[in-house]
């Protein structure tokens, strides 16, 4: 099971399980992974399974 670990900010140390579906990260309640950190934009990034199918994940900046 893949996990994302928060390294800085109010949620430092939190471990978030990554699912095989894309998940948006940000402060907005519409994000699948909500990070209550003023340094993060409302819809900051998206984490998705690696398109190459190697079992890894890609992080894509949403440009907000």
PDB file of N, CA and C in Angstrom:
ATOM      1  N   UNK A   1       0.845  -1.179   0.000  1.00  0.00           N
ATOM      2  CA  UNK A   1       0.000   0.000   0.000  1.00  0.00           C
ATOM      3  C   UNK A   1       0.891   1.243   0.000  1.00  0.00           C
ATOM      4  N   UNK A   2       0.676   2.142  -0.955  1.00  0.00           N
ATOM      5  CA  UNK A   2       1.450   3.369  -1.059  1.00  0.00           C
ATOM      6  C   UNK A   2       0.934   4.396  -0.060  1.00  0.00           C
ATOM      7  N   UNK A   3       1.879   5.172   0.490  1.00  0.00           N
ATOM      8  CA  UNK A   3       1.520   6.177   1.484  1.00  0.00           C
ATOM      9  C   UNK A   3       2.231   7.483   1.175  1.00  0.00           C
ATOM     10  N   UNK A   4       1.589   8.568   1.559  1.00  0.00           N
ATOM     11  CA  UNK A   4       2.153   9.901   1.457  1.00  0.00           C
ATOM     12  C   UNK A   4       2.369  10.382   2.885  1.00  0.00           C
ATOM     13  N   UNK A   5       3.558  10.871   3.191  1.00  0.00           N
ATOM     14  CA  UNK A   5       3.861  11.355   4.532  1.00  0.00           C
ATOM     15  C   UNK A   5       4.041  12.864   4.474  1.00  0.00           C
ATOM     16  N   UNK A   6       3.329  13.598   5.324  1.00  0.00           N
ATOM     17  CA  UNK A   6       3.427  15.055   5.387  1.00  0.00           C
ATOM     18  C   UNK A   6       4.686  15.399   6.175  1.00  0.00           C
ATOM     19  N   UNK A   7       5.590  16.169   5.551  1.00  0.00           N
ATOM     20  CA  UNK A   7       6.869  16.489   6.183  1.00  0.00           C
ATOM     21  C   UNK A   7       6.888  17.822   6.913  1.00  0.00           C
ATOM     22  N   UNK A   8       6.026  18.768   6.509  1.00  0.00           N
ATOM     23  CA  UNK A   8       6.029  20.094   7.132  1.00  0.00           C
ATOM     24  C   UNK A   8       4.608  20.590   7.310  1.00  0.00           C
ATOM     25  N   UNK A   9       4.464  21.633   8.120  1.00  0.00           N
ATOM     26  CA  UNK A   9       3.159  22.257   8.308  1.00  0.00           C
ATOM     27  C   UNK A   9       2.375  21.637   9.455  1.00  0.00           C
ATOM     28  N   UNK A  10       1.124  22.070   9.614  1.00  0.00           N
ATOM     29  CA  UNK A  10       0.298  21.634  10.740  1.00  0.00           C
ATOM     30  C   UNK A  10       0.061  20.119  10.792  1.00  0.00           C
ATOM     31  N   UNK A  11       0.092  19.456   9.655  1.00  0.00           N
ATOM     32  CA  UNK A  11      -0.164  18.006   9.625  1.00  0.00           C
ATOM     33  C   UNK A  11       1.129  17.196   9.599  1.00  0.00           C
ATOM     34  N   UNK A  12       2.243  17.810   9.968  1.00  0.00           N
ATOM     35  CA  UNK A  12       3.540  17.125   9.938  1.00  0.00           C
ATOM     36  C   UNK A  12       3.442  15.760  10.620  1.00  0.00           C
ATOM     37  N   UNK A  13       3.939  14.747   9.922  1.00  0.00           N
ATOM     38  CA  UNK A  13       3.921  13.391  10.456  1.00  0.00           C
ATOM     39  C   UNK A  13       2.699  12.580  10.067  1.00  0.00           C
ATOM     40  N   UNK A  14       1.695  13.234   9.498  1.00  0.00           N
ATOM     41  CA  UNK A  14       0.492  12.499   9.086  1.00  0.00           C
ATOM     42  C   UNK A  14       0.838  11.554   7.935  1.00  0.00           C
ATOM     43  N   UNK A  15       0.235  10.394   7.952  1.00  0.00           N
ATOM     44  CA  UNK A  15       0.433   9.405   6.892  1.00  0.00           C
ATOM     45  C   UNK A  15      -0.900   9.246   6.161  1.00  0.00           C
ATOM     46  N   UNK A  16      -0.880   9.436   4.848  1.00  0.00           N
ATOM     47  CA  UNK A  16      -2.084   9.377   4.025  1.00  0.00           C
ATOM     48  C   UNK A  16      -1.946   8.212   3.050  1.00  0.00           C
ATOM     49  N   UNK A  17      -2.884   7.307   3.078  1.00  0.00           N
ATOM     50  CA  UNK A  17      -2.867   6.153   2.176  1.00  0.00           C
ATOM     51  C   UNK A  17      -3.275   6.607   0.779  1.00  0.00           C
ATOM     52  N   UNK A  18      -2.504   6.225  -0.227  1.00  0.00           N
ATOM     53  CA  UNK A  18      -2.809   6.579  -1.607  1.00  0.00           C
ATOM     54  C   UNK A  18      -3.577   5.445  -2.264  1.00  0.00           C
ATOM     55  N   UNK A  19      -4.627   5.815  -2.968  1.00  0.00           N
ATOM     56  CA  UNK A  19      -5.479   4.849  -3.660  1.00  0.00           C
ATOM     57  C   UNK A  19      -5.114   4.806  -5.133  1.00  0.00           C
ATOM     58  N   UNK A  20      -5.598   3.824  -5.870  1.00  0.00           N
ATOM     59  CA  UNK A  20      -5.278   3.746  -7.296  1.00  0.00           C
ATOM     60  C   UNK A  20      -5.967   4.811  -8.157  1.00  0.00           C
ATOM     61  N   UNK A  21      -6.856   5.617  -7.578  1.00  0.00           N
ATOM     62  CA  UNK A  21      -7.509   6.700  -8.326  1.00  0.00           C
ATOM     63  C   UNK A  21      -6.766   8.007  -8.078  1.00  0.00           C
ATOM     64  N   UNK A  22      -6.815   8.948  -9.032  1.00  0.00           N
ATOM     65  CA  UNK A  22      -6.211  10.259  -8.808  1.00  0.00           C
ATOM     66  C   UNK A  22      -6.845  10.954  -7.596  1.00  0.00           C
ATOM     67  N   UNK A  23      -6.033  11.694  -6.850  1.00  0.00           N
ATOM     68  CA  UNK A  23      -6.518  12.437  -5.685  1.00  0.00           C
ATOM     69  C   UNK A  23      -5.924  13.836  -5.715  1.00  0.00           C
ATOM     70  N   UNK A  24      -6.790  14.842  -5.526  1.00  0.00           N
ATOM     71  CA  UNK A  24      -6.324  16.227  -5.460  1.00  0.00           C
ATOM     72  C   UNK A  24      -5.970  16.566  -4.020  1.00  0.00           C
ATOM     73  N   UNK A  25      -4.914  17.379  -3.865  1.00  0.00           N
ATOM     74  CA  UNK A  25      -4.485  17.856  -2.555  1.00  0.00           C
ATOM     75  C   UNK A  25      -4.697  19.357  -2.493  1.00  0.00           C
ATOM     76  N   UNK A  26      -5.103  19.857  -1.350  1.00  0.00           N
ATOM     77  CA  UNK A  26      -5.244  21.294  -1.178  1.00  0.00           C
ATOM     78  C   UNK A  26      -6.059  21.629   0.052  1.00  0.00           C
ATOM     79  N   UNK A  27      -6.251  22.933   0.301  1.00  0.00           N
ATOM     80  CA  UNK A  27      -7.021  23.389   1.456  1.00  0.00           C
ATOM     81  C   UNK A  27      -8.514  23.273   1.256  1.00  0.00           C
ATOM     82  N   UNK A  28      -8.970  23.260   0.008  1.00  0.00           N
ATOM     83  CA  UNK A  28     -10.400  23.245  -0.303  1.00  0.00           C
ATOM     84  C   UNK A  28     -11.044  21.928   0.138  1.00  0.00           C
ATOM     85  N   UNK A  29     -12.248  22.016   0.661  1.00  0.00           N
ATOM     86  CA  UNK A  29     -12.987  20.828   1.073  1.00  0.00           C
ATOM     87  C   UNK A  29     -13.324  19.899  -0.077  1.00  0.00           C
ATOM     88  N   UNK A  30     -13.216  20.387  -1.325  1.00  0.00           N
ATOM     89  CA  UNK A  30     -13.469  19.539  -2.492  1.00  0.00           C
ATOM     90  C   UNK A  30     -12.289  18.625  -2.806  1.00  0.00           C
ATOM     91  N   UNK A  31     -11.133  18.892  -2.199  1.00  0.00           N
ATOM     92  CA  UNK A  31      -9.960  18.056  -2.427  1.00  0.00           C
ATOM     93  C   UNK A  31     -10.137  16.719  -1.704  1.00  0.00           C
ATOM     94  N   UNK A  32      -9.636  15.659  -2.310  1.00  0.00           N
ATOM     95  CA  UNK A  32      -9.720  14.354  -1.674  1.00  0.00           C
ATOM     96  C   UNK A  32      -8.776  14.271  -0.466  1.00  0.00           C
ATOM     97  N   UNK A  33      -7.670  15.009  -0.527  1.00  0.00           N
ATOM     98  CA  UNK A  33      -6.732  15.083   0.596  1.00  0.00           C
ATOM     99  C   UNK A  33      -6.661  16.540   1.015  1.00  0.00           C
ATOM    100  N   UNK A  34      -7.315  16.875   2.126  1.00  0.00           N
ATOM    101  CA  UNK A  34      -7.380  18.260   2.603  1.00  0.00           C
ATOM    102  C   UNK A  34      -6.196  18.516   3.531  1.00  0.00           C
ATOM    103  N   UNK A  35      -5.434  19.559   3.210  1.00  0.00           N
ATOM    104  CA  UNK A  35      -4.284  19.967   4.019  1.00  0.00           C
ATOM    105  C   UNK A  35      -4.560  21.357   4.574  1.00  0.00           C
ATOM    106  N   UNK A  36      -4.859  21.467   5.865  1.00  0.00           N
ATOM    107  CA  UNK A  36      -5.182  22.773   6.451  1.00  0.00           C
ATOM    108  C   UNK A  36      -3.925  23.598   6.719  1.00  0.00           C
ATOM    109  N   UNK A  37      -3.259  23.996   5.653  1.00  0.00           N
ATOM    110  CA  UNK A  37      -2.001  24.727   5.758  1.00  0.00           C
ATOM    111  C   UNK A  37      -2.106  25.937   4.836  1.00  0.00           C
ATOM    112  N   UNK A  38      -1.941  27.138   5.383  1.00  0.00           N
ATOM    113  CA  UNK A  38      -2.065  28.365   4.585  1.00  0.00           C
ATOM    114  C   UNK A  38      -1.020  28.440   3.476  1.00  0.00           C
ATOM    115  N   UNK A  39       0.052  27.651   3.559  1.00  0.00           N
ATOM    116  CA  UNK A  39       1.075  27.636   2.524  1.00  0.00           C
ATOM    117  C   UNK A  39       0.687  26.806   1.315  1.00  0.00           C
ATOM    118  N   UNK A  40      -0.451  26.143   1.378  1.00  0.00           N
ATOM    119  CA  UNK A  40      -0.929  25.276   0.300  1.00  0.00           C
ATOM    120  C   UNK A  40      -2.142  25.955  -0.338  1.00  0.00           C
ATOM    121  N   UNK A  41      -2.205  25.964  -1.660  1.00  0.00           N
ATOM    122  CA  UNK A  41      -3.352  26.587  -2.326  1.00  0.00           C
ATOM    123  C   UNK A  41      -4.599  25.707  -2.214  1.00  0.00           C
ATOM    124  N   UNK A  42      -5.731  26.252  -2.631  1.00  0.00           N
ATOM    125  CA  UNK A  42      -7.009  25.526  -2.474  1.00  0.00           C
ATOM    126  C   UNK A  42      -6.988  24.170  -3.150  1.00  0.00           C
ATOM    127  N   UNK A  43      -6.616  24.108  -4.407  1.00  0.00           N
ATOM    128  CA  UNK A  43      -6.437  22.832  -5.123  1.00  0.00           C
ATOM    129  C   UNK A  43      -5.007  22.858  -5.661  1.00  0.00           C
ATOM    130  N   UNK A  44      -4.099  22.369  -4.886  1.00  0.00           N
ATOM    131  CA  UNK A  44      -2.660  22.550  -5.070  1.00  0.00           C
ATOM    132  C   UNK A  44      -2.033  21.574  -6.066  1.00  0.00           C
ATOM    133  N   UNK A  45      -2.333  20.294  -5.920  1.00  0.00           N
ATOM    134  CA  UNK A  45      -1.683  19.275  -6.750  1.00  0.00           C
ATOM    135  C   UNK A  45      -2.574  18.047  -6.860  1.00  0.00           C
ATOM    136  N   UNK A  46      -2.187  17.164  -7.749  1.00  0.00           N
ATOM    137  CA  UNK A  46      -2.902  15.906  -7.914  1.00  0.00           C
ATOM    138  C   UNK A  46      -1.886  14.772  -7.854  1.00  0.00           C
ATOM    139  N   UNK A  47      -2.226  13.725  -7.136  1.00  0.00           N
ATOM    140  CA  UNK A  47      -1.402  12.527  -7.060  1.00  0.00           C
ATOM    141  C   UNK A  47      -2.145  11.439  -7.816  1.00  0.00           C
ATOM    142  N   UNK A  48      -1.444  10.785  -8.751  1.00  0.00           N
ATOM    143  CA  UNK A  48      -2.090   9.738  -9.541  1.00  0.00           C
ATOM    144  C   UNK A  48      -1.105   8.609  -9.770  1.00  0.00           C
ATOM    145  N   UNK A  49      -1.628   7.412 -10.012  1.00  0.00           N
ATOM    146  CA  UNK A  49      -0.732   6.293 -10.328  1.00  0.00           C
ATOM    147  C   UNK A  49       0.132   6.615 -11.549  1.00  0.00           C
ATOM    148  N   UNK A  50       1.357   6.157 -11.528  1.00  0.00           N
ATOM    149  CA  UNK A  50       2.313   6.353 -12.611  1.00  0.00           C
ATOM    150  C   UNK A  50       1.748   5.828 -13.927  1.00  0.00           C
ATOM    151  N   UNK A  51       1.742   6.674 -14.947  1.00  0.00           N
ATOM    152  CA  UNK A  51       1.188   6.302 -16.251  1.00  0.00           C
ATOM    153  C   UNK A  51       1.952   5.143 -16.890  1.00  0.00           C
ATOM    154  N   UNK A  52       3.211   4.954 -16.506  1.00  0.00           N
ATOM    155  CA  UNK A  52       4.021   3.871 -17.075  1.00  0.00           C
ATOM    156  C   UNK A  52       3.645   2.514 -16.480  1.00  0.00           C
ATOM    157  N   UNK A  53       2.832   2.540 -15.423  1.00  0.00           N
ATOM    158  CA  UNK A  53       2.376   1.286 -14.827  1.00  0.00           C
ATOM    159  C   UNK A  53       3.405   0.595 -13.962  1.00  0.00           C
ATOM    160  N   UNK A  54       4.400   1.332 -13.489  1.00  0.00           N
ATOM    161  CA  UNK A  54       5.453   0.734 -12.678  1.00  0.00           C
ATOM    162  C   UNK A  54       5.124   0.608 -11.207  1.00  0.00           C
ATOM    163  N   UNK A  55       3.912   0.963 -10.820  1.00  0.00           N
ATOM    164  CA  UNK A  55       3.525   0.856  -9.419  1.00  0.00           C
ATOM    165  C   UNK A  55       3.800   2.108  -8.609  1.00  0.00           C
ATOM    166  N   UNK A  56       4.439   3.103  -9.206  1.00  0.00           N
ATOM    167  CA  UNK A  56       4.722   4.342  -8.503  1.00  0.00           C
ATOM    168  C   UNK A  56       3.599   5.350  -8.672  1.00  0.00           C
ATOM    169  N   UNK A  57       3.830   6.562  -8.233  1.00  0.00           N
ATOM    170  CA  UNK A  57       2.851   7.636  -8.332  1.00  0.00           C
ATOM    171  C   UNK A  57       3.498   8.869  -8.930  1.00  0.00           C
ATOM    172  N   UNK A  58       2.692   9.701  -9.556  1.00  0.00           N
ATOM    173  CA  UNK A  58       3.125  10.981 -10.102  1.00  0.00           C
ATOM    174  C   UNK A  58       2.402  12.095  -9.350  1.00  0.00           C
ATOM    175  N   UNK A  59       3.087  13.207  -9.166  1.00  0.00           N
ATOM    176  CA  UNK A  59       2.460  14.389  -8.572  1.00  0.00           C
ATOM    177  C   UNK A  59       2.437  15.453  -9.650  1.00  0.00           C
ATOM    178  N   UNK A  60       1.259  16.019  -9.891  1.00  0.00           N
ATOM    179  CA  UNK A  60       1.092  17.041 -10.923  1.00  0.00           C
ATOM    180  C   UNK A  60       0.613  18.332 -10.270  1.00  0.00           C
ATOM    181  N   UNK A  61       1.322  19.437 -10.494  1.00  0.00           N
ATOM    182  CA  UNK A  61       0.946  20.758 -10.002  1.00  0.00           C
ATOM    183  C   UNK A  61      -0.314  21.202 -10.738  1.00  0.00           C
ATOM    184  N   UNK A  62      -1.334  21.656 -10.010  1.00  0.00           N
ATOM    185  CA  UNK A  62      -2.573  22.106 -10.629  1.00  0.00           C
ATOM    186  C   UNK A  62      -2.555  23.586 -10.986  1.00  0.00           C
ATOM    187  N   UNK A  63      -1.437  24.272 -10.713  1.00  0.00           N
ATOM    188  CA  UNK A  63      -1.286  25.652 -11.150  1.00  0.00           C
ATOM    189  C   UNK A  63      -2.151  26.668 -10.432  1.00  0.00           C
ATOM    190  N   UNK A  64      -2.619  26.353  -9.250  1.00  0.00           N
ATOM    191  CA  UNK A  64      -3.462  27.329  -8.540  1.00  0.00           C
ATOM    192  C   UNK A  64      -2.641  28.164  -7.590  1.00  0.00           C
TER     193      UNK A  64
END
